[in-house]
Amino acid sequence: MSAANATANPARGEAAVRINGEPLVLRPSFAALVAAEGEIGPLFALVERAAEGRLGLGELVALFWHCLRERPEGLTRDAFGEGVVRGGLAAASPALRVLLGQILAGR
């Protein structure tokens, strides 16, 4: 993925997260959020759990995975999850904040 393709567009509600040193763009499209909701349950409940500090790592990875704008060739979900953990939750928090804001506000 080129650096130009790895730039998040805030006007589209996108956020970037660095996985294994590579910036990846998260886009909370309708299809992505429906897929995430199908796996982890209602998104409003997810936002409530996050606000209460009860968001699970698996939920965070699932949300991010479904919202990936492009998946690098060969990237598996397990490797993606490991990359999130390696990068640290503090590094993932800004992207999570953007996605949660989009879930609540829409665009």
PDB file of N, CA and C in Angstrom:
ATOM      1  N   MET A   1       0.853  -1.171   0.000  1.00  0.00           N
ATOM      2  CA  MET A   1       0.000   0.000   0.000  1.00  0.00           C
ATOM      3  C   MET A   1       0.894   1.226   0.000  1.00  0.00           C
ATOM      4  N   SER A   2       0.626   2.172  -0.853  1.00  0.00           N
ATOM      5  CA  SER A   2       1.462   3.367  -0.908  1.00  0.00           C
ATOM      6  C   SER A   2       1.097   4.310   0.220  1.00  0.00           C
ATOM      7  N   ALA A   3       2.022   5.205   0.532  1.00  0.00           N
ATOM      8  CA  ALA A   3       1.779   6.173   1.601  1.00  0.00           C
ATOM      9  C   ALA A   3       0.563   7.022   1.287  1.00  0.00           C
ATOM     10  N   ALA A   4       0.347   7.352   0.017  1.00  0.00           N
ATOM     11  CA  ALA A   4      -0.815   8.167  -0.353  1.00  0.00           C
ATOM     12  C   ALA A   4      -2.110   7.438  -0.033  1.00  0.00           C
ATOM     13  N   ASN A   5      -2.106   6.135  -0.239  1.00  0.00           N
ATOM     14  CA  ASN A   5      -3.303   5.350   0.041  1.00  0.00           C
ATOM     15  C   ASN A   5      -3.508   5.136   1.532  1.00  0.00           C
ATOM     16  N   ALA A   6      -2.481   5.409   2.351  1.00  0.00           N
ATOM     17  CA  ALA A   6      -2.567   5.168   3.782  1.00  0.00           C
ATOM     18  C   ALA A   6      -2.885   6.444   4.551  1.00  0.00           C
ATOM     19  N   THR A   7      -3.371   7.466   3.852  1.00  0.00           N
ATOM     20  CA  THR A   7      -3.723   8.721   4.499  1.00  0.00           C
ATOM     21  C   THR A   7      -5.227   8.730   4.777  1.00  0.00           C
ATOM     22  N   ALA A   8      -5.564   8.932   6.029  1.00  0.00           N
ATOM     23  CA  ALA A   8      -6.974   8.987   6.415  1.00  0.00           C
ATOM     24  C   ALA A   8      -7.583  10.311   5.987  1.00  0.00           C
ATOM     25  N   ASN A   9      -8.820  10.270   5.571  1.00  0.00           N
ATOM     26  CA  ASN A   9      -9.555  11.461   5.165  1.00  0.00           C
ATOM     27  C   ASN A   9     -10.588  11.778   6.251  1.00  0.00           C
ATOM     28  N   PRO A  10     -10.313  12.756   7.112  1.00  0.00           N
ATOM     29  CA  PRO A  10     -11.251  13.073   8.194  1.00  0.00           C
ATOM     30  C   PRO A  10     -12.643  13.459   7.696  1.00  0.00           C
ATOM     31  N   ALA A  11     -12.737  14.016   6.483  1.00  0.00           N
ATOM     32  CA  ALA A  11     -14.042  14.384   5.932  1.00  0.00           C
ATOM     33  C   ALA A  11     -14.924  13.162   5.697  1.00  0.00           C
ATOM     34  N   ARG A  12     -14.306  12.009   5.554  1.00  0.00           N
ATOM     35  CA  ARG A  12     -15.044  10.748   5.387  1.00  0.00           C
ATOM     36  C   ARG A  12     -15.172   9.994   6.696  1.00  0.00           C
ATOM     37  N   GLY A  13     -14.700  10.591   7.775  1.00  0.00           N
ATOM     38  CA  GLY A  13     -14.759   9.920   9.072  1.00  0.00           C
ATOM     39  C   GLY A  13     -13.695   8.869   9.249  1.00  0.00           C
ATOM     40  N   GLU A  14     -12.644   8.928   8.430  1.00  0.00           N
ATOM     41  CA  GLU A  14     -11.591   7.921   8.494  1.00  0.00           C
ATOM     42  C   GLU A  14     -10.597   8.218   9.609  1.00  0.00           C
ATOM     43  N   ALA A  15      -9.925   7.173  10.029  1.00  0.00           N
ATOM     44  CA  ALA A  15      -8.867   7.266  11.030  1.00  0.00           C
ATOM     45  C   ALA A  15      -7.743   6.339  10.589  1.00  0.00           C
ATOM     46  N   ALA A  16      -6.550   6.591  11.086  1.00  0.00           N
ATOM     47  CA  ALA A  16      -5.416   5.734  10.750  1.00  0.00           C
ATOM     48  C   ALA A  16      -4.913   5.039  11.999  1.00  0.00           C
ATOM     49  N   VAL A  17      -4.454   3.824  11.804  1.00  0.00           N
ATOM     50  CA  VAL A  17      -3.840   3.053  12.878  1.00  0.00           C
ATOM     51  C   VAL A  17      -2.578   2.422  12.290  1.00  0.00           C
ATOM     52  N   ARG A  18      -1.523   2.370  13.076  1.00  0.00           N
ATOM     53  CA  ARG A  18      -0.260   1.793  12.596  1.00  0.00           C
ATOM     54  C   ARG A  18      -0.183   0.353  13.096  1.00  0.00           C
ATOM     55  N   ILE A  19      -0.065  -0.566  12.143  1.00  0.00           N
ATOM     56  CA  ILE A  19       0.028  -1.993  12.449  1.00  0.00           C
ATOM     57  C   ILE A  19       1.338  -2.511  11.852  1.00  0.00           C
ATOM     58  N   ASN A  20       2.179  -3.046  12.726  1.00  0.00           N
ATOM     59  CA  ASN A  20       3.482  -3.561  12.295  1.00  0.00           C
ATOM     60  C   ASN A  20       4.257  -2.513  11.499  1.00  0.00           C
ATOM     61  N   GLY A  21       4.165  -1.270  11.943  1.00  0.00           N
ATOM     62  CA  GLY A  21       4.885  -0.184  11.305  1.00  0.00           C
ATOM     63  C   GLY A  21       4.222   0.380  10.066  1.00  0.00           C
ATOM     64  N   GLU A  22       3.120  -0.196   9.638  1.00  0.00           N
ATOM     65  CA  GLU A  22       2.445   0.238   8.415  1.00  0.00           C
ATOM     66  C   GLU A  22       1.156   0.985   8.769  1.00  0.00           C
ATOM     67  N   PRO A  23       0.974   2.192   8.251  1.00  0.00           N
ATOM     68  CA  PRO A  23      -0.284   2.904   8.521  1.00  0.00           C
ATOM     69  C   PRO A  23      -1.416   2.295   7.703  1.00  0.00           C
ATOM     70  N   LEU A  24      -2.505   1.990   8.383  1.00  0.00           N
ATOM     71  CA  LEU A  24      -3.696   1.456   7.731  1.00  0.00           C
ATOM     72  C   LEU A  24      -4.858   2.391   8.022  1.00  0.00           C
ATOM     73  N   VAL A  25      -5.718   2.557   7.034  1.00  0.00           N
ATOM     74  CA  VAL A  25      -6.844   3.473   7.169  1.00  0.00           C
ATOM     75  C   VAL A  25      -8.102   2.694   7.534  1.00  0.00           C
ATOM     76  N   LEU A  26      -8.819   3.226   8.509  1.00  0.00           N
ATOM     77  CA  LEU A  26     -10.095   2.668   8.941  1.00  0.00           C
ATOM     78  C   LEU A  26     -11.202   3.595   8.441  1.00  0.00           C
ATOM     79  N   ARG A  27     -12.163   3.028   7.740  1.00  0.00           N
ATOM     80  CA  ARG A  27     -13.298   3.805   7.225  1.00  0.00           C
ATOM     81  C   ARG A  27     -14.584   3.166   7.749  1.00  0.00           C
ATOM     82  N   PRO A  28     -15.314   3.877   8.596  1.00  0.00           N
ATOM     83  CA  PRO A  28     -16.544   3.316   9.152  1.00  0.00           C
ATOM     84  C   PRO A  28     -17.727   3.447   8.193  1.00  0.00           C
ATOM     85  N   SER A  29     -17.648   2.739   7.075  1.00  0.00           N
ATOM     86  CA  SER A  29     -18.743   2.755   6.101  1.00  0.00           C
ATOM     87  C   SER A  29     -19.940   1.979   6.658  1.00  0.00           C
ATOM     88  N   PHE A  30     -21.074   2.168   6.025  1.00  0.00           N
ATOM     89  CA  PHE A  30     -22.273   1.442   6.445  1.00  0.00           C
ATOM     90  C   PHE A  30     -22.025  -0.064   6.420  1.00  0.00           C
ATOM     91  N   ALA A  31     -21.468  -0.556   5.320  1.00  0.00           N
ATOM     92  CA  ALA A  31     -21.221  -2.000   5.195  1.00  0.00           C
ATOM     93  C   ALA A  31     -20.261  -2.492   6.271  1.00  0.00           C
ATOM     94  N   ALA A  32     -19.222  -1.712   6.548  1.00  0.00           N
ATOM     95  CA  ALA A  32     -18.247  -2.109   7.571  1.00  0.00           C
ATOM     96  C   ALA A  32     -18.891  -2.169   8.943  1.00  0.00           C
ATOM     97  N   LEU A  33     -19.703  -1.175   9.262  1.00  0.00           N
ATOM     98  CA  LEU A  33     -20.337  -1.148  10.587  1.00  0.00           C
ATOM     99  C   LEU A  33     -21.391  -2.238  10.734  1.00  0.00           C
ATOM    100  N   VAL A  34     -22.100  -2.548   9.662  1.00  0.00           N
ATOM    101  CA  VAL A  34     -23.069  -3.652   9.710  1.00  0.00           C
ATOM    102  C   VAL A  34     -22.335  -4.968   9.949  1.00  0.00           C
ATOM    103  N   ALA A  35     -21.213  -5.164   9.269  1.00  0.00           N
ATOM    104  CA  ALA A  35     -20.429  -6.396   9.464  1.00  0.00           C
ATOM    105  C   ALA A  35     -19.903  -6.477  10.891  1.00  0.00           C
ATOM    106  N   ALA A  36     -19.403  -5.364  11.414  1.00  0.00           N
ATOM    107  CA  ALA A  36     -18.902  -5.351  12.792  1.00  0.00           C
ATOM    108  C   ALA A  36     -20.045  -5.644  13.766  1.00  0.00           C
ATOM    109  N   GLU A  37     -21.182  -5.027  13.543  1.00  0.00           N
ATOM    110  CA  GLU A  37     -22.329  -5.237  14.430  1.00  0.00           C
ATOM    111  C   GLU A  37     -22.795  -6.689  14.384  1.00  0.00           C
ATOM    112  N   GLY A  38     -22.720  -7.297  13.213  1.00  0.00           N
ATOM    113  CA  GLY A  38     -23.100  -8.704  13.087  1.00  0.00           C
ATOM    114  C   GLY A  38     -22.213  -9.613  13.919  1.00  0.00           C
ATOM    115  N   GLU A  39     -20.982  -9.198  14.115  1.00  0.00           N
ATOM    116  CA  GLU A  39     -20.047 -10.010  14.891  1.00  0.00           C
ATOM    117  C   GLU A  39     -20.066  -9.675  16.381  1.00  0.00           C
ATOM    118  N   ILE A  40     -20.078  -8.395  16.718  1.00  0.00           N
ATOM    119  CA  ILE A  40     -19.878  -8.011  18.121  1.00  0.00           C
ATOM    120  C   ILE A  40     -21.123  -7.448  18.800  1.00  0.00           C
ATOM    121  N   GLY A  41     -22.225  -7.404  18.077  1.00  0.00           N
ATOM    122  CA  GLY A  41     -23.471  -6.947  18.691  1.00  0.00           C
ATOM    123  C   GLY A  41     -23.732  -5.470  18.431  1.00  0.00           C
ATOM    124  N   PRO A  42     -24.794  -4.956  19.019  1.00  0.00           N
ATOM    125  CA  PRO A  42     -25.230  -3.581  18.755  1.00  0.00           C
ATOM    126  C   PRO A  42     -24.119  -2.558  19.010  1.00  0.00           C
ATOM    127  N   LEU A  43     -23.989  -1.638  18.077  1.00  0.00           N
ATOM    128  CA  LEU A  43     -22.919  -0.658  18.165  1.00  0.00           C
ATOM    129  C   LEU A  43     -23.114   0.339  19.301  1.00  0.00           C
ATOM    130  N   PHE A  44     -24.356   0.665  19.629  1.00  0.00           N
ATOM    131  CA  PHE A  44     -24.569   1.578  20.758  1.00  0.00           C
ATOM    132  C   PHE A  44     -24.106   0.939  22.062  1.00  0.00           C
ATOM    133  N   ALA A  45     -24.307  -0.359  22.199  1.00  0.00           N
ATOM    134  CA  ALA A  45     -23.817  -1.065  23.382  1.00  0.00           C
ATOM    135  C   ALA A  45     -22.287  -1.068  23.400  1.00  0.00           C
ATOM    136  N   LEU A  46     -21.679  -1.195  22.233  1.00  0.00           N
ATOM    137  CA  LEU A  46     -20.226  -1.143  22.129  1.00  0.00           C
ATOM    138  C   LEU A  46     -19.716   0.226  22.595  1.00  0.00           C
ATOM    139  N   VAL A  47     -20.371   1.288  22.161  1.00  0.00           N
ATOM    140  CA  VAL A  47     -19.986   2.642  22.576  1.00  0.00           C
ATOM    141  C   VAL A  47     -20.132   2.786  24.090  1.00  0.00           C
ATOM    142  N   GLU A  48     -21.211   2.257  24.646  1.00  0.00           N
ATOM    143  CA  GLU A  48     -21.418   2.333  26.103  1.00  0.00           C
ATOM    144  C   GLU A  48     -20.317   1.580  26.849  1.00  0.00           C
ATOM    145  N   ARG A  49     -19.970   0.376  26.359  1.00  0.00           N
ATOM    146  CA  ARG A  49     -18.897  -0.386  27.014  1.00  0.00           C
ATOM    147  C   ARG A  49     -17.574   0.370  26.940  1.00  0.00           C
ATOM    148  N   ALA A  50     -17.315   0.986  25.799  1.00  0.00           N
ATOM    149  CA  ALA A  50     -16.074   1.748  25.652  1.00  0.00           C
ATOM    150  C   ALA A  50     -16.057   2.930  26.627  1.00  0.00           C
ATOM    151  N   ALA A  51     -17.173   3.623  26.765  1.00  0.00           N
ATOM    152  CA  ALA A  51     -17.254   4.770  27.673  1.00  0.00           C
ATOM    153  C   ALA A  51     -17.047   4.350  29.125  1.00  0.00           C
ATOM    154  N   GLU A  52     -17.449   3.120  29.434  1.00  0.00           N
ATOM    155  CA  GLU A  52     -17.308   2.602  30.802  1.00  0.00           C
ATOM    156  C   GLU A  52     -15.974   1.881  31.016  1.00  0.00           C
ATOM    157  N   GLY A  53     -15.136   1.861  29.993  1.00  0.00           N
ATOM    158  CA  GLY A  53     -13.848   1.175  30.112  1.00  0.00           C
ATOM    159  C   GLY A  53     -13.968  -0.336  30.065  1.00  0.00           C
ATOM    160  N   ARG A  54     -15.038  -0.845  29.461  1.00  0.00           N
ATOM    161  CA  ARG A  54     -15.275  -2.287  29.413  1.00  0.00           C
ATOM    162  C   ARG A  54     -15.206  -2.858  27.997  1.00  0.00           C
ATOM    163  N   LEU A  55     -14.593  -2.128  27.085  1.00  0.00           N
ATOM    164  CA  LEU A  55     -14.473  -2.616  25.718  1.00  0.00           C
ATOM    165  C   LEU A  55     -13.373  -3.673  25.671  1.00  0.00           C
ATOM    166  N   GLY A  56     -13.717  -4.834  25.175  1.00  0.00           N
ATOM    167  CA  GLY A  56     -12.748  -5.923  25.104  1.00  0.00           C
ATOM    168  C   GLY A  56     -11.809  -5.774  23.916  1.00  0.00           C
ATOM    169  N   LEU A  57     -10.623  -6.327  24.057  1.00  0.00           N
ATOM    170  CA  LEU A  57      -9.637  -6.282  22.982  1.00  0.00           C
ATOM    171  C   LEU A  57     -10.177  -6.942  21.714  1.00  0.00           C
ATOM    172  N   GLY A  58     -10.872  -8.046  21.867  1.00  0.00           N
ATOM    173  CA  GLY A  58     -11.454  -8.727  20.713  1.00  0.00           C
ATOM    174  C   GLY A  58     -12.465  -7.854  19.988  1.00  0.00           C
ATOM    175  N   GLU A  59     -13.234  -7.080  20.749  1.00  0.00           N
ATOM    176  CA  GLU A  59     -14.206  -6.166  20.141  1.00  0.00           C
ATOM    177  C   GLU A  59     -13.495  -5.049  19.373  1.00  0.00           C
ATOM    178  N   LEU A  60     -12.448  -4.508  19.969  1.00  0.00           N
ATOM    179  CA  LEU A  60     -11.679  -3.449  19.319  1.00  0.00           C
ATOM    180  C   LEU A  60     -11.094  -3.951  18.007  1.00  0.00           C
ATOM    181  N   VAL A  61     -10.467  -5.116  18.046  1.00  0.00           N
ATOM    182  CA  VAL A  61      -9.858  -5.693  16.837  1.00  0.00           C
ATOM    183  C   VAL A  61     -10.936  -5.976  15.795  1.00  0.00           C
ATOM    184  N   ALA A  62     -12.079  -6.508  16.211  1.00  0.00           N
ATOM    185  CA  ALA A  62     -13.163  -6.796  15.267  1.00  0.00           C
ATOM    186  C   ALA A  62     -13.643  -5.513  14.593  1.00  0.00           C
ATOM    187  N   LEU A  63     -13.851  -4.460  15.361  1.00  0.00           N
ATOM    188  CA  LEU A  63     -14.303  -3.189  14.794  1.00  0.00           C
ATOM    189  C   LEU A  63     -13.283  -2.667  13.797  1.00  0.00           C
ATOM    190  N   PHE A  64     -12.026  -2.655  14.193  1.00  0.00           N
ATOM    191  CA  PHE A  64     -10.970  -2.173  13.305  1.00  0.00           C
ATOM    192  C   PHE A  64     -10.887  -3.040  12.044  1.00  0.00           C
ATOM    193  N   TRP A  65     -10.935  -4.348  12.205  1.00  0.00           N
ATOM    194  CA  TRP A  65     -10.804  -5.270  11.075  1.00  0.00           C
ATOM    195  C   TRP A  65     -11.891  -5.013  10.037  1.00  0.00           C
ATOM    196  N   HIS A  66     -13.120  -4.878  10.509  1.00  0.00           N
ATOM    197  CA  HIS A  66     -14.222  -4.664   9.576  1.00  0.00           C
ATOM    198  C   HIS A  66     -14.157  -3.287   8.927  1.00  0.00           C
ATOM    199  N   CYS A  67     -13.550  -2.328   9.599  1.00  0.00           N
ATOM    200  CA  CYS A  67     -13.471  -0.961   9.072  1.00  0.00           C
ATOM    201  C   CYS A  67     -12.222  -0.708   8.233  1.00  0.00           C
ATOM    202  N   LEU A  68     -11.356  -1.686   8.075  1.00  0.00           N
ATOM    203  CA  LEU A  68     -10.175  -1.478   7.234  1.00  0.00           C
ATOM    204  C   LEU A  68     -10.599  -1.087   5.824  1.00  0.00           C
ATOM    205  N   ARG A  69     -10.090   0.032   5.353  1.00  0.00           N
ATOM    206  CA  ARG A  69     -10.419   0.486   3.998  1.00  0.00           C
ATOM    207  C   ARG A  69      -9.809  -0.464   2.977  1.00  0.00           C
ATOM    208  N   GLU A  70      -8.572  -0.857   3.202  1.00  0.00           N
ATOM    209  CA  GLU A  70      -7.876  -1.823   2.348  1.00  0.00           C
ATOM    210  C   GLU A  70      -7.083  -2.756   3.249  1.00  0.00           C
ATOM    211  N   ARG A  71      -7.073  -4.020   2.910  1.00  0.00           N
ATOM    212  CA  ARG A  71      -6.268  -4.987   3.668  1.00  0.00           C
ATOM    213  C   ARG A  71      -5.036  -5.335   2.859  1.00  0.00           C
ATOM    214  N   PRO A  72      -3.868  -5.122   3.444  1.00  0.00           N
ATOM    215  CA  PRO A  72      -2.653  -5.517   2.726  1.00  0.00           C
ATOM    216  C   PRO A  72      -2.685  -7.006   2.407  1.00  0.00           C
ATOM    217  N   GLU A  73      -2.188  -7.342   1.254  1.00  0.00           N
ATOM    218  CA  GLU A  73      -2.160  -8.741   0.839  1.00  0.00           C
ATOM    219  C   GLU A  73      -1.437  -9.577   1.880  1.00  0.00           C
ATOM    220  N   GLY A  74      -2.047 -10.681   2.254  1.00  0.00           N
ATOM    221  CA  GLY A  74      -1.447 -11.606   3.197  1.00  0.00           C
ATOM    222  C   GLY A  74      -1.707 -11.285   4.659  1.00  0.00           C
ATOM    223  N   LEU A  75      -2.329 -10.146   4.940  1.00  0.00           N
ATOM    224  CA  LEU A  75      -2.617  -9.801   6.336  1.00  0.00           C
ATOM    225  C   LEU A  75      -3.803 -10.621   6.825  1.00  0.00           C
ATOM    226  N   THR A  76      -3.571 -11.429   7.840  1.00  0.00           N
ATOM    227  CA  THR A  76      -4.656 -12.209   8.433  1.00  0.00           C
ATOM    228  C   THR A  76      -5.216 -11.457   9.629  1.00  0.00           C
ATOM    229  N   ARG A  77      -6.377 -11.844  10.044  1.00  0.00           N
ATOM    230  CA  ARG A  77      -6.977 -11.190  11.201  1.00  0.00           C
ATOM    231  C   ARG A  77      -6.144 -11.430  12.455  1.00  0.00           C
ATOM    232  N   ASP A  78      -5.608 -12.631  12.604  1.00  0.00           N
ATOM    233  CA  ASP A  78      -4.760 -12.912  13.762  1.00  0.00           C
ATOM    234  C   ASP A  78      -3.526 -12.009  13.767  1.00  0.00           C
ATOM    235  N   ALA A  79      -2.887 -11.874  12.617  1.00  0.00           N
ATOM    236  CA  ALA A  79      -1.706 -11.005  12.525  1.00  0.00           C
ATOM    237  C   ALA A  79      -2.087  -9.549  12.781  1.00  0.00           C
ATOM    238  N   PHE A  80      -3.240  -9.154  12.293  1.00  0.00           N
ATOM    239  CA  PHE A  80      -3.727  -7.795  12.532  1.00  0.00           C
ATOM    240  C   PHE A  80      -3.923  -7.570  14.027  1.00  0.00           C
ATOM    241  N   GLY A  81      -4.584  -8.521  14.698  1.00  0.00           N
ATOM    242  CA  GLY A  81      -4.804  -8.413  16.141  1.00  0.00           C
ATOM    243  C   GLY A  81      -3.497  -8.360  16.912  1.00  0.00           C
ATOM    244  N   GLU A  82      -2.545  -9.186  16.523  1.00  0.00           N
ATOM    245  CA  GLU A  82      -1.224  -9.161  17.160  1.00  0.00           C
ATOM    246  C   GLU A  82      -0.555  -7.806  16.954  1.00  0.00           C
ATOM    247  N   GLY A  83      -0.742  -7.232  15.770  1.00  0.00           N
ATOM    248  CA  GLY A  83      -0.173  -5.917  15.487  1.00  0.00           C
ATOM    249  C   GLY A  83      -0.788  -4.830  16.347  1.00  0.00           C
ATOM    250  N   VAL A  84      -2.088  -4.928  16.591  1.00  0.00           N
ATOM    251  CA  VAL A  84      -2.757  -3.964  17.479  1.00  0.00           C
ATOM    252  C   VAL A  84      -2.158  -4.070  18.876  1.00  0.00           C
ATOM    253  N   VAL A  85      -1.989  -5.283  19.362  1.00  0.00           N
ATOM    254  CA  VAL A  85      -1.437  -5.500  20.700  1.00  0.00           C
ATOM    255  C   VAL A  85       0.006  -5.009  20.771  1.00  0.00           C
ATOM    256  N   ARG A  86       0.803  -5.336  19.765  1.00  0.00           N
ATOM    257  CA  ARG A  86       2.197  -4.889  19.739  1.00  0.00           C
ATOM    258  C   ARG A  86       2.301  -3.367  19.748  1.00  0.00           C
ATOM    259  N   GLY A  87       1.407  -2.709  19.026  1.00  0.00           N
ATOM    260  CA  GLY A  87       1.417  -1.249  18.971  1.00  0.00           C
ATOM    261  C   GLY A  87       0.953  -0.602  20.256  1.00  0.00           C
ATOM    262  N   GLY A  88       0.203  -1.341  21.035  1.00  0.00           N
ATOM    263  CA  GLY A  88      -0.298  -0.834  22.312  1.00  0.00           C
ATOM    264  C   GLY A  88      -1.674  -0.200  22.187  1.00  0.00           C
ATOM    265  N   LEU A  89      -2.450  -0.357  23.231  1.00  0.00           N
ATOM    266  CA  LEU A  89      -3.808   0.182  23.226  1.00  0.00           C
ATOM    267  C   LEU A  89      -3.813   1.704  23.194  1.00  0.00           C
ATOM    268  N   ALA A  90      -2.807   2.327  23.806  1.00  0.00           N
ATOM    269  CA  ALA A  90      -2.746   3.793  23.779  1.00  0.00           C
ATOM    270  C   ALA A  90      -2.612   4.296  22.346  1.00  0.00           C
ATOM    271  N   ALA A  91      -1.856   3.590  21.526  1.00  0.00           N
ATOM    272  CA  ALA A  91      -1.683   3.993  20.132  1.00  0.00           C
ATOM    273  C   ALA A  91      -2.951   3.772  19.315  1.00  0.00           C
ATOM    274  N   ALA A  92      -3.779   2.806  19.705  1.00  0.00           N
ATOM    275  CA  ALA A  92      -5.029   2.522  18.999  1.00  0.00           C
ATOM    276  C   ALA A  92      -6.166   3.438  19.442  1.00  0.00           C
ATOM    277  N   SER A  93      -6.020   4.066  20.593  1.00  0.00           N
ATOM    278  CA  SER A  93      -7.103   4.873  21.162  1.00  0.00           C
ATOM    279  C   SER A  93      -7.566   6.029  20.282  1.00  0.00           C
ATOM    280  N   PRO A  94      -6.675   6.796  19.648  1.00  0.00           N
ATOM    281  CA  PRO A  94      -7.178   7.888  18.796  1.00  0.00           C
ATOM    282  C   PRO A  94      -8.072   7.389  17.654  1.00  0.00           C
ATOM    283  N   ALA A  95      -7.689   6.286  17.012  1.00  0.00           N
ATOM    284  CA  ALA A  95      -8.513   5.735  15.934  1.00  0.00           C
ATOM    285  C   ALA A  95      -9.844   5.236  16.484  1.00  0.00           C
ATOM    286  N   LEU A  96      -9.812   4.600  17.643  1.00  0.00           N
ATOM    287  CA  LEU A  96     -11.049   4.127  18.269  1.00  0.00           C
ATOM    288  C   LEU A  96     -11.969   5.305  18.567  1.00  0.00           C
ATOM    289  N   ARG A  97     -11.404   6.369  19.083  1.00  0.00           N
ATOM    290  CA  ARG A  97     -12.196   7.560  19.404  1.00  0.00           C
ATOM    291  C   ARG A  97     -12.910   8.101  18.163  1.00  0.00           C
ATOM    292  N   VAL A  98     -12.191   8.134  17.040  1.00  0.00           N
ATOM    293  CA  VAL A  98     -12.791   8.618  15.783  1.00  0.00           C
ATOM    294  C   VAL A  98     -13.940   7.708  15.360  1.00  0.00           C
ATOM    295  N   LEU A  99     -13.704   6.390  15.386  1.00  0.00           N
ATOM    296  CA  LEU A  99     -14.752   5.456  14.961  1.00  0.00           C
ATOM    297  C   LEU A  99     -15.972   5.536  15.867  1.00  0.00           C
ATOM    298  N   LEU A 100     -15.747   5.611  17.167  1.00  0.00           N
ATOM    299  CA  LEU A 100     -16.883   5.708  18.097  1.00  0.00           C
ATOM    300  C   LEU A 100     -17.654   7.009  17.848  1.00  0.00           C
ATOM    301  N   GLY A 101     -16.934   8.076  17.584  1.00  0.00           N
ATOM    302  CA  GLY A 101     -17.598   9.344  17.278  1.00  0.00           C
ATOM    303  C   GLY A 101     -18.435   9.238  16.021  1.00  0.00           C
ATOM    304  N   GLN A 102     -17.943   8.528  15.022  1.00  0.00           N
ATOM    305  CA  GLN A 102     -18.699   8.344  13.790  1.00  0.00           C
ATOM    306  C   GLN A 102     -19.934   7.474  14.010  1.00  0.00           C
ATOM    307  N   ILE A 103     -19.812   6.495  14.859  1.00  0.00           N
ATOM    308  CA  ILE A 103     -20.952   5.633  15.168  1.00  0.00           C
ATOM    309  C   ILE A 103     -22.058   6.485  15.790  1.00  0.00           C
ATOM    310  N   LEU A 104     -21.693   7.379  16.676  1.00  0.00           N
ATOM    311  CA  LEU A 104     -22.692   8.211  17.357  1.00  0.00           C
ATOM    312  C   LEU A 104     -23.213   9.344  16.498  1.00  0.00           C
ATOM    313  N   ALA A 105     -22.333   9.986  15.748  1.00  0.00           N
ATOM    314  CA  ALA A 105     -22.719  11.193  15.021  1.00  0.00           C
ATOM    315  C   ALA A 105     -23.120  10.925  13.578  1.00  0.00           C
ATOM    316  N   GLY A 106     -22.506   9.932  12.975  1.00  0.00           N
ATOM    317  CA  GLY A 106     -22.751   9.674  11.564  1.00  0.00           C
ATOM    318  C   GLY A 106     -22.096  10.743  10.708  1.00  0.00           C
ATOM    319  N   ARG A 107     -22.124  10.500   9.415  1.00  0.00           N
ATOM    320  CA  ARG A 107     -21.554  11.473   8.474  1.00  0.00           C
ATOM    321  C   ARG A 107     -22.281  11.401   7.185  1.00  0.00           C
TER     322      ARG A 107
END
